[in-house]
Amino acid sequence: MTKSDRASSDRASSEHLMTHLAQPIDPLDLPGSEHQQGSGSLSKTISLQNSITCVLYQPEIPGNTGTLMRLAACWNAPLVLIGPLGFVWSDKHLKRASMDYAQYCKPTIHDSWSDYQNHWANAPHRTIAVVPREGVSYRDFVFQPSDHLIMGSESCGLPRRIISECDHSIHIPMQPSARSMNLAIAGALVWAEGLFKTQNPCV
């Protein structure tokens, strides 16, 4: 297979993912589903209501997304992806990071920011932009259970337009010389803080 053929195949796989992998969940009717597994496997009831949502805007590194998928499963919290994605769903790094926990986390995937906004327009929630410097420290922010944490892509972060459309901005304090944190680490810090402050029983 030539490089051109591989590129075409990757694009086709990505388009197939965005169209067929996960149809958007109705945010006003999020049913729990019980997963019963054998000995040594995760056994839990997934309930996406009243739990802070992590939203990844155009993620590029599959390992980061896979890591956050695993956290979503462990913390019983919803994950949303906004495309276009920078990888295909079959990427080995995604599978390596999410491991078998991926079966307990089926991210809601939207084609674009506008699709995400339209889909969640009638669901009570706030959008919280997680950025390097702006807003208050995540440690001082008063979270609500219905908050959506908006995380930007690894290379570009969040576009200024999207930050301006979010309800609030928060940041993780860093040394002045530091540019940014790894997406999965930053997501884990802020997500855990929000879930803890809103009394999620899994954190």
N, C-alpha and C. Protein backbone atom coordinates (compact mmCIF):
# COMPACT_ATOMS: atom_id res chain seq x y z
N MET A 1 0.85 -1.20 0.00
CA MET A 1 0.00 0.00 0.00
C MET A 1 0.88 1.25 0.00
N THR A 2 0.61 2.16 -0.91
CA THR A 2 1.38 3.39 -0.98
C THR A 2 0.99 4.35 0.13
N LYS A 3 1.82 5.42 0.33
CA LYS A 3 1.49 6.42 1.34
C LYS A 3 0.16 7.09 1.03
N SER A 4 -0.09 7.30 -0.25
CA SER A 4 -1.34 7.92 -0.67
C SER A 4 -2.53 7.04 -0.32
N ASP A 5 -2.35 5.71 -0.57
CA ASP A 5 -3.42 4.76 -0.26
C ASP A 5 -3.68 4.72 1.25
N ARG A 6 -2.59 4.73 2.05
CA ARG A 6 -2.75 4.71 3.50
C ARG A 6 -3.45 5.96 3.99
N ALA A 7 -3.10 7.11 3.42
CA ALA A 7 -3.73 8.37 3.83
C ALA A 7 -5.22 8.36 3.51
N SER A 8 -5.56 7.83 2.31
CA SER A 8 -6.97 7.75 1.92
C SER A 8 -7.73 6.81 2.84
N SER A 9 -7.06 5.69 3.20
CA SER A 9 -7.69 4.73 4.09
C SER A 9 -7.93 5.33 5.47
N ASP A 10 -6.94 6.10 5.97
CA ASP A 10 -7.08 6.73 7.29
C ASP A 10 -8.21 7.74 7.29
N ARG A 11 -8.29 8.53 6.21
CA ARG A 11 -9.37 9.52 6.11
C ARG A 11 -10.72 8.83 6.09
N ALA A 12 -10.81 7.75 5.34
CA ALA A 12 -12.08 7.02 5.24
C ALA A 12 -12.46 6.43 6.59
N SER A 13 -11.46 5.90 7.32
CA SER A 13 -11.74 5.33 8.64
C SER A 13 -12.21 6.39 9.60
N SER A 14 -11.58 7.56 9.53
CA SER A 14 -11.97 8.66 10.42
C SER A 14 -13.38 9.11 10.12
N GLU A 15 -13.72 9.24 8.83
CA GLU A 15 -15.06 9.65 8.45
C GLU A 15 -16.09 8.60 8.89
N HIS A 16 -15.72 7.33 8.76
CA HIS A 16 -16.62 6.26 9.18
C HIS A 16 -16.87 6.35 10.69
N LEU A 17 -15.80 6.61 11.43
CA LEU A 17 -15.94 6.75 12.88
C LEU A 17 -16.90 7.86 13.23
N MET A 18 -16.70 9.04 12.65
CA MET A 18 -17.51 10.20 12.99
C MET A 18 -18.98 9.96 12.66
N THR A 19 -19.23 9.12 11.64
CA THR A 19 -20.61 8.90 11.19
C THR A 19 -21.29 7.78 11.96
N HIS A 20 -20.53 6.70 12.25
CA HIS A 20 -21.19 5.49 12.73
C HIS A 20 -20.80 5.02 14.13
N LEU A 21 -19.67 5.45 14.66
CA LEU A 21 -19.22 4.84 15.91
C LEU A 21 -20.14 5.14 17.06
N ALA A 22 -20.45 6.40 17.28
CA ALA A 22 -21.27 6.77 18.45
C ALA A 22 -22.24 7.87 18.08
N GLN A 23 -23.48 7.51 17.95
CA GLN A 23 -24.49 8.52 17.71
C GLN A 23 -24.64 9.36 18.98
N PRO A 24 -24.83 10.67 18.86
CA PRO A 24 -24.94 11.51 20.06
C PRO A 24 -26.04 11.05 20.99
N ILE A 25 -25.71 11.05 22.29
CA ILE A 25 -26.68 10.67 23.31
C ILE A 25 -27.57 11.87 23.60
N ASP A 26 -28.85 11.62 23.79
CA ASP A 26 -29.75 12.69 24.15
C ASP A 26 -29.42 13.16 25.57
N PRO A 27 -28.94 14.40 25.73
CA PRO A 27 -28.53 14.85 27.06
C PRO A 27 -29.69 14.99 28.03
N LEU A 28 -30.92 15.00 27.54
CA LEU A 28 -32.07 15.11 28.42
C LEU A 28 -32.61 13.74 28.83
N ASP A 29 -32.05 12.69 28.24
CA ASP A 29 -32.52 11.34 28.55
C ASP A 29 -31.34 10.39 28.49
N LEU A 30 -30.52 10.40 29.54
CA LEU A 30 -29.30 9.60 29.58
C LEU A 30 -29.53 8.37 30.45
N PRO A 31 -29.92 7.27 29.85
CA PRO A 31 -30.23 6.09 30.66
C PRO A 31 -28.98 5.42 31.18
N GLY A 32 -29.05 4.85 32.39
CA GLY A 32 -27.94 4.05 32.89
C GLY A 32 -27.99 2.68 32.25
N SER A 33 -26.85 2.03 32.17
CA SER A 33 -26.83 0.67 31.63
C SER A 33 -25.93 -0.17 32.52
N GLU A 34 -26.41 -1.32 32.90
CA GLU A 34 -25.68 -2.15 33.85
C GLU A 34 -24.80 -3.13 33.10
N HIS A 35 -23.53 -3.20 33.50
CA HIS A 35 -22.56 -4.09 32.86
C HIS A 35 -22.16 -5.14 33.89
N GLN A 36 -22.54 -6.37 33.67
CA GLN A 36 -22.18 -7.44 34.59
C GLN A 36 -21.11 -8.29 33.93
N GLN A 37 -19.95 -8.40 34.57
CA GLN A 37 -18.86 -9.17 34.02
C GLN A 37 -18.44 -10.24 35.02
N GLY A 38 -17.62 -11.16 34.56
CA GLY A 38 -17.16 -12.23 35.41
C GLY A 38 -16.12 -11.77 36.41
N SER A 39 -15.59 -12.71 37.13
CA SER A 39 -14.61 -12.42 38.18
C SER A 39 -13.40 -11.72 37.59
N GLY A 40 -12.94 -10.68 38.29
CA GLY A 40 -11.75 -9.96 37.86
C GLY A 40 -12.03 -8.85 36.88
N SER A 41 -13.29 -8.68 36.47
CA SER A 41 -13.65 -7.63 35.52
C SER A 41 -14.40 -6.52 36.23
N LEU A 42 -14.43 -5.36 35.59
CA LEU A 42 -15.14 -4.22 36.15
C LEU A 42 -16.64 -4.51 36.11
N SER A 43 -17.30 -4.39 37.25
CA SER A 43 -18.74 -4.58 37.34
C SER A 43 -19.34 -3.35 37.96
N LYS A 44 -20.19 -2.64 37.21
CA LYS A 44 -20.70 -1.37 37.70
C LYS A 44 -21.94 -0.97 36.91
N THR A 45 -22.63 0.03 37.40
CA THR A 45 -23.74 0.64 36.69
C THR A 45 -23.29 1.99 36.18
N ILE A 46 -23.37 2.21 34.89
CA ILE A 46 -22.96 3.47 34.29
C ILE A 46 -24.15 4.43 34.33
N SER A 47 -23.99 5.54 34.99
CA SER A 47 -25.03 6.55 35.06
C SER A 47 -24.41 7.90 34.74
N LEU A 48 -24.78 8.48 33.60
CA LEU A 48 -24.15 9.69 33.13
C LEU A 48 -24.85 10.95 33.61
N GLN A 49 -25.91 10.82 34.37
CA GLN A 49 -26.62 12.00 34.83
C GLN A 49 -25.89 12.65 36.00
N ASN A 50 -25.93 14.00 36.04
CA ASN A 50 -25.38 14.73 37.17
C ASN A 50 -23.91 14.40 37.43
N SER A 51 -23.13 14.32 36.38
CA SER A 51 -21.70 14.08 36.52
C SER A 51 -20.96 14.98 35.55
N ILE A 52 -19.91 15.61 36.03
CA ILE A 52 -19.16 16.54 35.19
C ILE A 52 -18.64 15.82 33.95
N THR A 53 -18.80 16.47 32.81
CA THR A 53 -18.42 15.92 31.51
C THR A 53 -17.10 16.50 31.03
N CYS A 54 -16.21 15.65 30.57
CA CYS A 54 -14.96 16.10 29.95
C CYS A 54 -15.16 16.12 28.44
N VAL A 55 -14.89 17.27 27.83
CA VAL A 55 -15.08 17.46 26.39
C VAL A 55 -13.73 17.72 25.75
N LEU A 56 -13.32 16.87 24.82
CA LEU A 56 -12.05 17.05 24.11
C LEU A 56 -12.32 17.65 22.74
N TYR A 57 -11.78 18.84 22.51
CA TYR A 57 -11.96 19.52 21.24
C TYR A 57 -10.82 19.15 20.29
N GLN A 58 -11.15 18.42 19.23
CA GLN A 58 -10.21 18.02 18.19
C GLN A 58 -8.93 17.41 18.75
N PRO A 59 -9.04 16.38 19.59
CA PRO A 59 -7.83 15.74 20.12
C PRO A 59 -6.99 15.12 19.01
N GLU A 60 -5.68 15.12 19.21
CA GLU A 60 -4.76 14.67 18.15
C GLU A 60 -3.95 13.43 18.53
N ILE A 61 -3.71 13.22 19.80
CA ILE A 61 -2.85 12.12 20.24
C ILE A 61 -3.71 11.01 20.84
N PRO A 62 -3.75 9.85 20.19
CA PRO A 62 -4.67 8.79 20.64
C PRO A 62 -4.42 8.32 22.06
N GLY A 63 -3.15 8.34 22.50
CA GLY A 63 -2.85 7.89 23.85
C GLY A 63 -3.50 8.75 24.90
N ASN A 64 -3.58 10.06 24.66
CA ASN A 64 -4.24 10.96 25.61
C ASN A 64 -5.74 10.68 25.69
N THR A 65 -6.36 10.51 24.54
CA THR A 65 -7.79 10.21 24.52
C THR A 65 -8.07 8.86 25.18
N GLY A 66 -7.23 7.87 24.90
CA GLY A 66 -7.40 6.56 25.52
C GLY A 66 -7.27 6.61 27.03
N THR A 67 -6.32 7.41 27.51
CA THR A 67 -6.15 7.56 28.96
C THR A 67 -7.38 8.16 29.60
N LEU A 68 -7.95 9.18 28.97
CA LEU A 68 -9.14 9.83 29.51
C LEU A 68 -10.38 8.93 29.37
N MET A 69 -10.39 8.08 28.36
CA MET A 69 -11.47 7.09 28.27
C MET A 69 -11.42 6.14 29.47
N ARG A 70 -10.21 5.73 29.83
CA ARG A 70 -10.06 4.84 30.98
C ARG A 70 -10.52 5.53 32.26
N LEU A 71 -10.15 6.80 32.42
CA LEU A 71 -10.60 7.55 33.59
C LEU A 71 -12.12 7.69 33.61
N ALA A 72 -12.71 7.95 32.44
CA ALA A 72 -14.16 8.06 32.36
C ALA A 72 -14.84 6.80 32.86
N ALA A 73 -14.28 5.66 32.50
CA ALA A 73 -14.85 4.38 32.95
C ALA A 73 -14.66 4.21 34.46
N CYS A 74 -13.46 4.54 34.95
CA CYS A 74 -13.18 4.36 36.38
C CYS A 74 -13.98 5.32 37.25
N TRP A 75 -14.23 6.51 36.75
CA TRP A 75 -14.92 7.53 37.54
C TRP A 75 -16.41 7.61 37.24
N ASN A 76 -16.89 6.76 36.34
CA ASN A 76 -18.31 6.78 36.00
C ASN A 76 -18.74 8.17 35.55
N ALA A 77 -17.99 8.73 34.62
CA ALA A 77 -18.23 10.09 34.15
C ALA A 77 -18.22 10.11 32.62
N PRO A 78 -19.02 11.00 32.02
CA PRO A 78 -19.14 11.03 30.55
C PRO A 78 -17.99 11.76 29.86
N LEU A 79 -17.65 11.27 28.69
CA LEU A 79 -16.61 11.86 27.85
C LEU A 79 -17.22 12.21 26.49
N VAL A 80 -16.88 13.39 25.99
CA VAL A 80 -17.37 13.86 24.69
C VAL A 80 -16.18 14.23 23.83
N LEU A 81 -16.20 13.84 22.55
CA LEU A 81 -15.17 14.20 21.60
C LEU A 81 -15.77 15.07 20.50
N ILE A 82 -15.06 16.14 20.16
CA ILE A 82 -15.49 17.02 19.08
C ILE A 82 -14.48 16.93 17.95
N GLY A 83 -14.93 16.56 16.77
CA GLY A 83 -14.05 16.37 15.62
C GLY A 83 -13.78 17.66 14.86
N PRO A 84 -12.93 17.50 13.83
CA PRO A 84 -12.35 16.23 13.39
C PRO A 84 -11.25 15.75 14.33
N LEU A 85 -11.19 14.43 14.50
CA LEU A 85 -10.17 13.82 15.34
C LEU A 85 -8.86 13.72 14.57
N GLY A 86 -7.76 13.73 15.31
CA GLY A 86 -6.45 13.65 14.66
C GLY A 86 -5.91 12.24 14.55
N PHE A 87 -6.77 11.23 14.70
CA PHE A 87 -6.34 9.84 14.64
C PHE A 87 -7.53 8.99 14.24
N VAL A 88 -7.26 7.74 13.90
CA VAL A 88 -8.33 6.81 13.57
C VAL A 88 -8.60 5.92 14.78
N TRP A 89 -9.83 5.43 14.88
CA TRP A 89 -10.24 4.71 16.09
C TRP A 89 -9.48 3.40 16.28
N SER A 90 -8.90 2.88 15.23
CA SER A 90 -8.18 1.62 15.32
C SER A 90 -6.73 1.80 15.77
N ASP A 91 -6.31 3.03 16.05
CA ASP A 91 -4.91 3.29 16.40
C ASP A 91 -4.50 2.45 17.62
N LYS A 92 -3.34 1.81 17.51
CA LYS A 92 -2.89 0.92 18.59
C LYS A 92 -2.61 1.67 19.88
N HIS A 93 -2.20 2.94 19.78
CA HIS A 93 -1.91 3.71 20.98
C HIS A 93 -3.19 4.03 21.75
N LEU A 94 -4.29 4.23 21.04
CA LEU A 94 -5.58 4.45 21.69
C LEU A 94 -5.98 3.21 22.45
N LYS A 95 -5.85 2.06 21.81
CA LYS A 95 -6.22 0.80 22.45
C LYS A 95 -5.32 0.48 23.63
N ARG A 96 -4.02 0.79 23.50
CA ARG A 96 -3.08 0.51 24.57
C ARG A 96 -3.40 1.35 25.81
N ALA A 97 -3.77 2.61 25.60
CA ALA A 97 -4.04 3.50 26.74
C ALA A 97 -5.38 3.21 27.40
N SER A 98 -6.39 2.92 26.59
CA SER A 98 -7.73 2.68 27.16
C SER A 98 -7.89 1.25 27.67
N MET A 99 -7.07 0.32 27.13
CA MET A 99 -7.12 -1.09 27.50
C MET A 99 -8.55 -1.62 27.36
N ASP A 100 -8.92 -2.56 28.24
CA ASP A 100 -10.26 -3.13 28.14
C ASP A 100 -11.32 -2.24 28.77
N TYR A 101 -10.90 -1.09 29.34
CA TYR A 101 -11.87 -0.18 29.92
C TYR A 101 -12.70 0.52 28.84
N ALA A 102 -12.26 0.46 27.61
CA ALA A 102 -12.98 1.13 26.52
C ALA A 102 -14.42 0.61 26.39
N GLN A 103 -14.65 -0.63 26.79
CA GLN A 103 -16.00 -1.18 26.68
C GLN A 103 -16.97 -0.50 27.63
N TYR A 104 -16.46 0.17 28.66
CA TYR A 104 -17.30 0.87 29.62
C TYR A 104 -17.40 2.36 29.33
N CYS A 105 -16.72 2.83 28.32
CA CYS A 105 -16.75 4.25 27.97
C CYS A 105 -17.00 4.39 26.48
N LYS A 106 -18.18 4.80 26.12
CA LYS A 106 -18.53 5.03 24.72
C LYS A 106 -18.71 6.53 24.54
N PRO A 107 -17.65 7.24 24.15
CA PRO A 107 -17.75 8.70 24.06
C PRO A 107 -18.83 9.14 23.08
N THR A 108 -19.48 10.24 23.42
CA THR A 108 -20.37 10.90 22.48
C THR A 108 -19.50 11.72 21.54
N ILE A 109 -19.69 11.56 20.25
CA ILE A 109 -18.83 12.22 19.26
C ILE A 109 -19.65 13.18 18.41
N HIS A 110 -19.15 14.39 18.29
CA HIS A 110 -19.79 15.41 17.46
C HIS A 110 -18.83 15.81 16.34
N ASP A 111 -19.40 16.12 15.18
CA ASP A 111 -18.58 16.47 14.02
C ASP A 111 -17.86 17.80 14.19
N SER A 112 -18.47 18.73 14.95
CA SER A 112 -17.91 20.08 15.04
C SER A 112 -18.38 20.75 16.33
N TRP A 113 -17.79 21.91 16.61
CA TRP A 113 -18.20 22.69 17.78
C TRP A 113 -19.66 23.10 17.69
N SER A 114 -20.08 23.51 16.51
CA SER A 114 -21.48 23.93 16.34
C SER A 114 -22.43 22.76 16.54
N ASP A 115 -22.05 21.57 16.08
CA ASP A 115 -22.89 20.39 16.31
C ASP A 115 -23.00 20.09 17.80
N TYR A 116 -21.88 20.22 18.49
CA TYR A 116 -21.89 20.03 19.95
C TYR A 116 -22.83 21.03 20.62
N GLN A 117 -22.71 22.30 20.25
CA GLN A 117 -23.56 23.33 20.85
C GLN A 117 -25.04 23.07 20.58
N ASN A 118 -25.35 22.71 19.34
CA ASN A 118 -26.75 22.46 18.98
C ASN A 118 -27.32 21.27 19.76
N HIS A 119 -26.51 20.24 19.89
CA HIS A 119 -26.99 19.03 20.54
C HIS A 119 -27.29 19.25 22.03
N TRP A 120 -26.46 20.03 22.69
CA TRP A 120 -26.60 20.24 24.13
C TRP A 120 -27.35 21.52 24.47
N ALA A 121 -27.89 22.20 23.49
CA ALA A 121 -28.48 23.52 23.71
C ALA A 121 -29.60 23.50 24.75
N ASN A 122 -30.38 22.44 24.79
CA ASN A 122 -31.53 22.40 25.69
C ASN A 122 -31.26 21.66 26.99
N ALA A 123 -30.01 21.27 27.20
CA ALA A 123 -29.64 20.58 28.44
C ALA A 123 -28.96 21.58 29.38
N PRO A 124 -29.44 21.72 30.61
CA PRO A 124 -28.81 22.65 31.55
C PRO A 124 -27.35 22.28 31.79
N HIS A 125 -26.45 23.16 31.46
CA HIS A 125 -25.03 22.92 31.68
C HIS A 125 -24.26 24.23 31.49
N ARG A 126 -23.03 24.26 31.98
CA ARG A 126 -22.12 25.38 31.73
C ARG A 126 -20.89 24.85 31.00
N THR A 127 -20.36 25.64 30.10
CA THR A 127 -19.13 25.27 29.42
C THR A 127 -17.95 25.98 30.09
N ILE A 128 -16.96 25.18 30.51
CA ILE A 128 -15.81 25.70 31.25
C ILE A 128 -14.56 25.46 30.42
N ALA A 129 -14.00 26.53 29.86
CA ALA A 129 -12.78 26.40 29.06
C ALA A 129 -11.58 26.19 29.98
N VAL A 130 -10.83 25.13 29.74
CA VAL A 130 -9.61 24.86 30.51
C VAL A 130 -8.44 25.35 29.67
N VAL A 131 -7.80 26.42 30.12
CA VAL A 131 -6.77 27.12 29.33
C VAL A 131 -5.51 27.29 30.17
N PRO A 132 -4.39 27.62 29.54
CA PRO A 132 -3.13 27.70 30.29
C PRO A 132 -3.06 28.82 31.32
N ARG A 133 -3.63 30.00 31.05
CA ARG A 133 -3.38 31.14 31.92
C ARG A 133 -4.62 31.90 32.39
N GLU A 134 -5.70 31.85 31.66
CA GLU A 134 -6.83 32.75 31.91
C GLU A 134 -7.75 32.24 33.00
N GLY A 135 -8.60 33.15 33.49
CA GLY A 135 -9.61 32.79 34.48
C GLY A 135 -9.01 32.50 35.84
N VAL A 136 -9.80 31.85 36.69
CA VAL A 136 -9.35 31.53 38.03
C VAL A 136 -8.68 30.16 38.06
N SER A 137 -7.94 29.89 39.12
CA SER A 137 -7.36 28.57 39.30
C SER A 137 -8.47 27.53 39.45
N TYR A 138 -8.24 26.36 38.90
CA TYR A 138 -9.26 25.29 39.01
C TYR A 138 -9.50 24.92 40.47
N ARG A 139 -8.53 25.16 41.35
CA ARG A 139 -8.70 24.85 42.76
C ARG A 139 -9.70 25.79 43.44
N ASP A 140 -9.84 26.99 42.88
CA ASP A 140 -10.73 27.99 43.48
C ASP A 140 -12.11 28.04 42.81
N PHE A 141 -12.28 27.31 41.72
CA PHE A 141 -13.52 27.39 40.96
C PHE A 141 -14.62 26.59 41.65
N VAL A 142 -15.83 27.13 41.61
CA VAL A 142 -16.99 26.43 42.19
C VAL A 142 -17.68 25.64 41.08
N PHE A 143 -17.45 24.35 41.06
CA PHE A 143 -18.00 23.49 40.02
C PHE A 143 -19.46 23.13 40.31
N GLN A 144 -20.17 22.80 39.24
CA GLN A 144 -21.53 22.27 39.33
C GLN A 144 -21.57 20.91 38.65
N PRO A 145 -22.42 20.00 39.09
CA PRO A 145 -22.43 18.64 38.54
C PRO A 145 -22.67 18.57 37.03
N SER A 146 -23.34 19.57 36.47
CA SER A 146 -23.66 19.53 35.03
C SER A 146 -22.62 20.23 34.17
N ASP A 147 -21.50 20.65 34.76
CA ASP A 147 -20.48 21.38 33.99
C ASP A 147 -19.84 20.51 32.90
N HIS A 148 -19.47 21.18 31.81
CA HIS A 148 -18.70 20.56 30.74
C HIS A 148 -17.31 21.22 30.72
N LEU A 149 -16.28 20.42 30.90
CA LEU A 149 -14.90 20.91 30.86
C LEU A 149 -14.40 20.82 29.43
N ILE A 150 -14.11 21.96 28.81
CA ILE A 150 -13.71 21.99 27.40
C ILE A 150 -12.19 22.04 27.33
N MET A 151 -11.60 20.97 26.80
CA MET A 151 -10.14 20.85 26.68
C MET A 151 -9.74 20.98 25.22
N GLY A 152 -8.73 21.81 24.93
CA GLY A 152 -8.30 22.03 23.55
C GLY A 152 -7.36 20.95 23.05
N SER A 153 -7.03 21.03 21.77
CA SER A 153 -6.14 20.05 21.15
C SER A 153 -4.71 20.20 21.67
N GLU A 154 -3.91 19.15 21.51
CA GLU A 154 -2.56 19.14 22.03
C GLU A 154 -1.66 20.20 21.40
N SER A 155 -1.83 20.46 20.13
CA SER A 155 -0.92 21.38 19.44
C SER A 155 -1.39 22.83 19.46
N CYS A 156 -2.70 23.05 19.48
CA CYS A 156 -3.22 24.41 19.32
C CYS A 156 -4.06 24.89 20.50
N GLY A 157 -4.45 24.03 21.40
CA GLY A 157 -5.33 24.44 22.49
C GLY A 157 -6.71 24.78 21.96
N LEU A 158 -7.40 25.65 22.67
CA LEU A 158 -8.73 26.08 22.25
C LEU A 158 -8.64 27.37 21.44
N PRO A 159 -9.34 27.45 20.32
CA PRO A 159 -9.38 28.71 19.56
C PRO A 159 -9.98 29.83 20.41
N ARG A 160 -9.53 31.04 20.16
CA ARG A 160 -10.02 32.20 20.90
C ARG A 160 -11.54 32.32 20.79
N ARG A 161 -12.10 32.01 19.65
CA ARG A 161 -13.54 32.11 19.45
C ARG A 161 -14.29 31.20 20.41
N ILE A 162 -13.79 29.98 20.59
CA ILE A 162 -14.47 29.03 21.46
C ILE A 162 -14.33 29.44 22.93
N ILE A 163 -13.15 29.93 23.30
CA ILE A 163 -12.97 30.40 24.67
C ILE A 163 -13.97 31.50 24.99
N SER A 164 -14.15 32.41 24.04
CA SER A 164 -15.06 33.53 24.27
C SER A 164 -16.52 33.08 24.37
N GLU A 165 -16.85 31.94 23.77
CA GLU A 165 -18.22 31.44 23.81
C GLU A 165 -18.50 30.59 25.05
N CYS A 166 -17.45 30.22 25.78
CA CYS A 166 -17.64 29.42 27.00
C CYS A 166 -18.12 30.32 28.14
N ASP A 167 -18.77 29.72 29.10
CA ASP A 167 -19.31 30.47 30.23
C ASP A 167 -18.23 30.93 31.20
N HIS A 168 -17.19 30.11 31.37
CA HIS A 168 -16.11 30.45 32.29
C HIS A 168 -14.79 29.91 31.75
N SER A 169 -13.69 30.44 32.26
CA SER A 169 -12.35 29.93 31.95
C SER A 169 -11.63 29.63 33.25
N ILE A 170 -10.91 28.52 33.28
CA ILE A 170 -10.11 28.16 34.44
C ILE A 170 -8.73 27.70 33.96
N HIS A 171 -7.77 27.70 34.87
CA HIS A 171 -6.43 27.25 34.51
C HIS A 171 -5.81 26.47 35.65
N ILE A 172 -4.76 25.73 35.32
CA ILE A 172 -3.96 25.02 36.31
C ILE A 172 -2.71 25.86 36.56
N PRO A 173 -2.46 26.32 37.77
CA PRO A 173 -1.27 27.13 38.02
C PRO A 173 0.02 26.40 37.63
N MET A 174 0.91 27.13 36.95
CA MET A 174 2.18 26.57 36.51
C MET A 174 3.28 27.60 36.70
N GLN A 175 4.51 27.16 36.59
CA GLN A 175 5.64 28.08 36.56
C GLN A 175 5.51 29.01 35.35
N PRO A 176 5.89 30.27 35.48
CA PRO A 176 5.74 31.22 34.36
C PRO A 176 6.42 30.76 33.08
N SER A 177 7.51 30.01 33.21
CA SER A 177 8.24 29.58 32.01
C SER A 177 7.61 28.37 31.33
N ALA A 178 6.65 27.72 32.00
CA ALA A 178 6.01 26.53 31.42
C ALA A 178 4.94 26.95 30.43
N ARG A 179 4.86 26.22 29.31
CA ARG A 179 3.90 26.56 28.27
C ARG A 179 2.55 25.90 28.50
N SER A 180 2.56 24.62 28.74
CA SER A 180 1.29 23.89 28.94
C SER A 180 1.60 22.52 29.50
N MET A 181 0.55 21.84 29.95
CA MET A 181 0.65 20.47 30.45
C MET A 181 0.15 19.49 29.40
N ASN A 182 0.53 18.24 29.60
CA ASN A 182 -0.02 17.16 28.79
C ASN A 182 -1.53 17.13 28.94
N LEU A 183 -2.24 16.90 27.84
CA LEU A 183 -3.69 16.95 27.83
C LEU A 183 -4.31 15.97 28.83
N ALA A 184 -3.83 14.73 28.85
CA ALA A 184 -4.42 13.73 29.74
C ALA A 184 -4.17 14.08 31.20
N ILE A 185 -2.99 14.61 31.51
CA ILE A 185 -2.68 14.98 32.89
C ILE A 185 -3.54 16.17 33.31
N ALA A 186 -3.61 17.19 32.46
CA ALA A 186 -4.42 18.36 32.77
C ALA A 186 -5.89 17.97 32.92
N GLY A 187 -6.37 17.13 32.02
CA GLY A 187 -7.76 16.69 32.10
C GLY A 187 -8.03 15.93 33.38
N ALA A 188 -7.10 15.06 33.78
CA ALA A 188 -7.28 14.28 35.00
C ALA A 188 -7.32 15.18 36.23
N LEU A 189 -6.43 16.18 36.29
CA LEU A 189 -6.39 17.08 37.44
C LEU A 189 -7.70 17.84 37.61
N VAL A 190 -8.14 18.48 36.53
CA VAL A 190 -9.33 19.33 36.61
C VAL A 190 -10.59 18.48 36.78
N TRP A 191 -10.68 17.40 36.06
CA TRP A 191 -11.84 16.52 36.13
C TRP A 191 -11.99 15.95 37.54
N ALA A 192 -10.88 15.48 38.12
CA ALA A 192 -10.93 14.92 39.47
C ALA A 192 -11.35 15.98 40.48
N GLU A 193 -10.83 17.19 40.32
CA GLU A 193 -11.19 18.27 41.24
C GLU A 193 -12.69 18.56 41.16
N GLY A 194 -13.20 18.66 39.94
CA GLY A 194 -14.62 18.94 39.77
C GLY A 194 -15.50 17.83 40.31
N LEU A 195 -15.13 16.58 40.04
CA LEU A 195 -15.93 15.46 40.52
C LEU A 195 -15.89 15.39 42.05
N PHE A 196 -14.72 15.66 42.63
CA PHE A 196 -14.60 15.62 44.09
C PHE A 196 -15.47 16.71 44.72
N LYS A 197 -15.39 17.92 44.17
CA LYS A 197 -16.15 19.03 44.75
C LYS A 197 -17.65 18.90 44.58
N THR A 198 -18.06 18.12 43.59
CA THR A 198 -19.50 17.90 43.39
C THR A 198 -19.94 16.56 43.97
N GLN A 199 -19.07 16.00 44.79
CA GLN A 199 -19.39 14.80 45.57
C GLN A 199 -19.71 13.58 44.73
N ASN A 200 -18.97 13.41 43.64
CA ASN A 200 -19.10 12.18 42.86
C ASN A 200 -18.54 11.04 43.71
N PRO A 201 -19.30 9.98 43.93
CA PRO A 201 -18.87 8.92 44.84
C PRO A 201 -17.65 8.13 44.37
N CYS A 202 -17.29 8.27 43.10
CA CYS A 202 -16.17 7.50 42.58
C CYS A 202 -14.81 8.20 42.76
N VAL A 203 -14.82 9.44 43.24
CA VAL A 203 -13.55 10.19 43.38
C VAL A 203 -13.32 10.51 44.84
